[in-house]
Amino acid sequence: MLTRNGEPVEHVVPGYAGHLTRSELNAYNAAFKTIHSEFSELEKIQEQLDKLVKIRWDHPANLRQFTSVETQDGGGWDAYGILLKLSKGDVLLCRQADGDQWAAIQRFPADSPYAQAHGSAEILLTGNTARDLTNEYMAQAQHTLRFMASNLVAQAQTVVWDQYSQANPDRVMRALSERCAHVVKNTEVVQEVESVKESVNQAPRQSRSIRV
């Protein structure tokens, strides 16, 4: 059996083609535990985006008005579809009630702190057609997910390097990075491990893209 540092190389983790030793697996599990909740949310959003891209929003059969939304500026909008279901409200595909403009509008629970401070509906993006609007929203949402995945890698690497620096942290971070990259279909996330030592003490980067 193949060994590394005197330990069998036999443990498999999701999204990683290699194998880990017991010490590496312990480091991996400890780090992943700190990002598990956000990782699960990332998976749920990506699954919705994968389904969303298959919908033909330019087809009349897919556009059925089901509710109305009023934004904080007093604008009225009719909702024709749900782009995303989030833990903090939904993102709706809406058309201007008295016009032709389309918008992606995030609707928050009325009793949430954000809604009480900023209103229960916020326009995220506008467009001239339902198809163009949804395509742009999906592209920006996907970009945001990639930033989120990179931030999770940054959080995990702090645990690995601070607490498990003797457990082959480069390999552990490669496994964690590939798992995050696999979810958002982005190999660039894996590049986080190339500069892991330099960025351990840096705060996670913040996305400037659209809120998902």
Protein backbone atom coordinates (compact mmCIF):
# COMPACT_ATOMS: atom_id res chain seq x y z
CA MET A 1 0.00 0.00 0.00
CA LEU A 2 1.21 3.49 -0.83
CA THR A 3 2.26 5.49 2.20
CA ARG A 4 3.13 9.14 2.85
CA ASN A 5 5.00 10.22 5.97
CA GLY A 6 4.54 6.71 7.31
CA GLU A 7 0.72 6.72 6.91
CA PRO A 8 -1.35 4.78 4.37
CA VAL A 9 -2.69 6.92 1.54
CA GLU A 10 -6.21 5.52 1.42
CA HIS A 11 -8.87 8.12 2.19
CA VAL A 12 -11.14 9.54 -0.52
CA VAL A 13 -12.92 12.91 -0.28
CA PRO A 14 -15.55 14.39 -2.65
CA GLY A 15 -14.35 16.25 -5.72
CA TYR A 16 -10.68 15.28 -5.34
CA ALA A 17 -9.00 12.66 -7.51
CA GLY A 18 -6.17 11.99 -5.06
CA HIS A 19 -6.14 10.19 -1.71
CA LEU A 20 -5.34 11.48 1.76
CA THR A 21 -3.63 10.04 4.79
CA ARG A 22 -5.43 9.94 8.15
CA SER A 23 -3.61 13.09 9.33
CA GLU A 24 -4.51 14.91 6.13
CA LEU A 25 -8.11 13.74 6.40
CA ASN A 26 -8.35 15.04 9.96
CA ALA A 27 -7.15 18.46 8.79
CA TYR A 28 -9.54 18.35 5.83
CA ASN A 29 -12.54 17.47 8.00
CA ALA A 30 -11.75 20.14 10.60
CA ALA A 31 -11.45 22.84 7.94
CA PHE A 32 -14.53 21.75 6.02
CA LYS A 33 -16.59 21.77 9.20
CA THR A 34 -16.01 25.52 9.51
CA ILE A 35 -17.43 26.19 6.02
CA HIS A 36 -20.03 23.42 5.79
CA SER A 37 -23.09 25.64 6.21
CA GLU A 38 -22.00 28.16 3.55
CA PHE A 39 -20.87 25.34 1.27
CA SER A 40 -24.35 23.76 1.43
CA GLU A 41 -25.91 27.12 0.54
CA LEU A 42 -23.49 27.38 -2.39
CA GLU A 43 -24.58 23.96 -3.64
CA LYS A 44 -28.27 24.87 -3.44
CA ILE A 45 -27.81 28.10 -5.37
CA GLN A 46 -25.71 26.42 -8.06
CA GLU A 47 -28.34 23.71 -8.51
CA GLN A 48 -30.97 26.39 -9.08
CA LEU A 49 -28.79 28.21 -11.61
CA ASP A 50 -28.24 24.94 -13.47
CA LYS A 51 -32.01 24.52 -13.79
CA LEU A 52 -32.57 28.20 -14.59
CA VAL A 53 -30.29 28.16 -17.61
CA LYS A 54 -32.51 25.52 -19.26
CA ILE A 55 -35.67 27.65 -19.16
CA ARG A 56 -36.59 29.54 -22.33
CA TRP A 57 -37.62 32.89 -20.90
CA ASP A 58 -38.45 34.19 -24.37
CA HIS A 59 -41.26 31.63 -24.68
CA PRO A 60 -44.69 32.99 -23.63
CA ALA A 61 -45.61 29.71 -21.91
CA ASN A 62 -42.85 30.29 -19.35
CA LEU A 63 -44.02 33.79 -18.44
CA ARG A 64 -47.10 33.75 -16.23
CA GLN A 65 -47.82 36.63 -13.90
CA PHE A 66 -48.46 35.34 -10.37
CA THR A 67 -47.96 38.25 -7.97
CA SER A 68 -47.16 41.96 -7.75
CA VAL A 69 -44.25 43.69 -6.04
CA GLU A 70 -43.77 47.29 -4.97
CA THR A 71 -40.25 48.62 -4.59
CA GLN A 72 -39.19 51.23 -2.06
CA ASP A 73 -39.38 54.00 -4.65
CA GLY A 74 -43.05 53.25 -5.14
CA GLY A 75 -42.62 51.45 -8.44
CA GLY A 76 -45.04 48.65 -9.26
CA TRP A 77 -43.86 45.39 -10.81
CA ASP A 78 -45.57 42.16 -11.88
CA ALA A 79 -43.68 38.95 -11.15
CA TYR A 80 -43.55 36.34 -13.91
CA GLY A 81 -40.98 33.89 -12.61
CA ILE A 82 -38.71 32.91 -9.73
CA LEU A 83 -35.04 33.17 -10.58
CA LEU A 84 -33.72 31.96 -7.22
CA LYS A 85 -35.08 30.83 -3.87
CA LEU A 86 -32.72 32.02 -1.15
CA SER A 87 -32.55 31.69 2.60
CA LYS A 88 -33.14 35.44 2.84
CA GLY A 89 -35.92 35.85 0.30
CA ASP A 90 -36.55 35.15 -3.39
CA VAL A 91 -35.25 36.75 -6.57
CA LEU A 92 -38.15 37.34 -8.96
CA LEU A 93 -38.30 38.02 -12.67
CA CYS A 94 -40.57 41.06 -12.94
CA ARG A 95 -42.02 43.35 -15.57
CA GLN A 96 -42.85 46.98 -14.94
CA ALA A 97 -46.56 47.32 -14.24
CA ASP A 98 -46.88 50.49 -16.31
CA GLY A 99 -44.05 49.93 -18.77
CA ASP A 100 -41.97 47.42 -20.74
CA GLN A 101 -38.83 47.20 -18.58
CA TRP A 102 -37.88 43.93 -16.92
CA ALA A 103 -36.04 43.53 -13.62
CA ALA A 104 -34.58 40.98 -11.25
CA ILE A 105 -36.05 41.95 -7.88
CA GLN A 106 -35.10 40.42 -4.56
CA ARG A 107 -38.03 40.12 -2.19
CA PHE A 108 -37.31 39.88 1.54
CA PRO A 109 -39.57 38.61 4.34
CA ALA A 110 -41.53 41.60 5.63
CA ASP A 111 -40.43 40.95 9.23
CA SER A 112 -36.72 40.65 8.41
CA PRO A 113 -34.33 43.32 9.72
CA TYR A 114 -33.25 44.17 6.17
CA ALA A 115 -36.84 44.69 4.98
CA GLN A 116 -37.65 46.88 7.95
CA ALA A 117 -34.63 49.06 7.26
CA HIS A 118 -34.60 49.12 3.44
CA GLY A 119 -37.96 47.87 2.24
CA SER A 120 -39.20 44.40 1.32
CA ALA A 121 -38.16 44.53 -2.35
CA GLU A 122 -34.93 45.64 -4.02
CA ILE A 123 -34.13 45.91 -7.74
CA LEU A 124 -30.91 44.06 -8.52
CA LEU A 125 -30.78 44.38 -12.28
CA THR A 126 -32.88 45.74 -15.16
CA GLY A 127 -33.16 44.86 -18.84
CA ASN A 128 -35.22 45.35 -21.96
CA THR A 129 -36.35 41.74 -22.40
CA ALA A 130 -36.97 38.80 -20.10
CA ARG A 131 -34.39 36.71 -21.91
CA ASP A 132 -31.62 39.32 -21.85
CA LEU A 133 -32.34 40.15 -18.22
CA THR A 134 -32.23 36.54 -17.03
CA ASN A 135 -29.07 35.80 -19.03
CA GLU A 136 -27.30 38.77 -17.47
CA TYR A 137 -28.54 37.91 -14.00
CA MET A 138 -27.38 34.29 -14.30
CA ALA A 139 -23.94 35.39 -15.53
CA GLN A 140 -23.48 37.82 -12.65
CA ALA A 141 -24.88 35.36 -10.10
CA GLN A 142 -22.44 32.70 -11.32
CA HIS A 143 -19.60 35.19 -10.99
CA THR A 144 -20.68 35.91 -7.43
CA LEU A 145 -20.75 32.20 -6.60
CA ARG A 146 -17.15 31.91 -7.72
CA PHE A 147 -16.15 34.69 -5.36
CA MET A 148 -18.07 32.92 -2.60
CA ALA A 149 -16.21 29.69 -3.31
CA SER A 150 -12.87 31.51 -3.19
CA ASN A 151 -13.84 33.03 0.16
CA LEU A 152 -14.66 29.58 1.53
CA VAL A 153 -11.22 28.37 0.45
CA ALA A 154 -9.65 31.34 2.25
CA GLN A 155 -11.59 30.54 5.43
CA ALA A 156 -10.64 26.86 5.30
CA GLN A 157 -6.95 27.52 4.67
CA THR A 158 -6.69 29.56 7.86
CA VAL A 159 -7.77 26.50 9.86
CA VAL A 160 -5.46 24.17 7.97
CA TRP A 161 -2.34 26.31 8.28
CA ASP A 162 -2.98 27.47 11.84
CA GLN A 163 -3.93 24.10 13.33
CA TYR A 164 -2.59 21.42 10.97
CA SER A 165 0.63 22.82 9.54
CA GLN A 166 2.31 19.39 9.94
CA ALA A 167 -0.37 17.53 7.99
CA ASN A 168 0.73 18.35 4.44
CA PRO A 169 -1.43 21.50 4.24
CA ASP A 170 -0.73 22.02 0.53
CA ARG A 171 -2.38 18.71 -0.34
CA VAL A 172 -5.24 19.30 2.09
CA MET A 173 -5.92 22.71 0.57
CA ARG A 174 -5.78 21.25 -2.92
CA ALA A 175 -8.51 18.79 -1.95
CA LEU A 176 -10.68 21.50 -0.37
CA SER A 177 -10.16 23.88 -3.29
CA GLU A 178 -11.08 21.25 -5.86
CA ARG A 179 -14.26 20.42 -3.96
CA CYS A 180 -15.33 24.08 -3.94
CA ALA A 181 -14.32 24.52 -7.58
CA HIS A 182 -16.31 21.47 -8.62
CA VAL A 183 -19.52 22.90 -7.17
CA VAL A 184 -19.28 26.21 -9.05
CA LYS A 185 -17.65 24.67 -12.14
CA ASN A 186 -14.65 26.95 -11.91
CA THR A 187 -11.07 25.68 -12.04
CA GLU A 188 -9.75 29.11 -11.06
CA VAL A 189 -10.78 28.44 -7.46
CA VAL A 190 -8.08 25.76 -7.31
CA GLN A 191 -5.45 28.44 -7.94
CA GLU A 192 -6.10 29.64 -4.37
CA VAL A 193 -3.68 26.98 -3.13
CA GLU A 194 -0.83 28.41 -5.19
CA SER A 195 -0.68 31.46 -2.94
CA VAL A 196 -2.10 29.91 0.18
CA LYS A 197 0.80 30.80 2.47
CA GLU A 198 0.78 34.43 1.41
CA SER A 199 -2.97 34.86 1.91
CA VAL A 200 -3.51 32.96 5.16
CA ASN A 201 -3.63 36.14 7.23
CA GLN A 202 -5.63 38.15 4.72
CA ALA A 203 -9.35 38.76 5.13
CA PRO A 204 -11.60 36.90 2.66
CA ARG A 205 -12.22 38.86 -0.52
CA GLN A 206 -15.61 40.44 -1.01
CA SER A 207 -17.50 40.09 -4.26
CA ARG A 208 -18.47 43.27 -6.09
CA SER A 209 -20.95 41.35 -8.21
CA ILE A 210 -24.70 41.10 -7.94
CA ARG A 211 -26.21 39.80 -4.71
CA VAL A 212 -27.55 36.28 -5.21
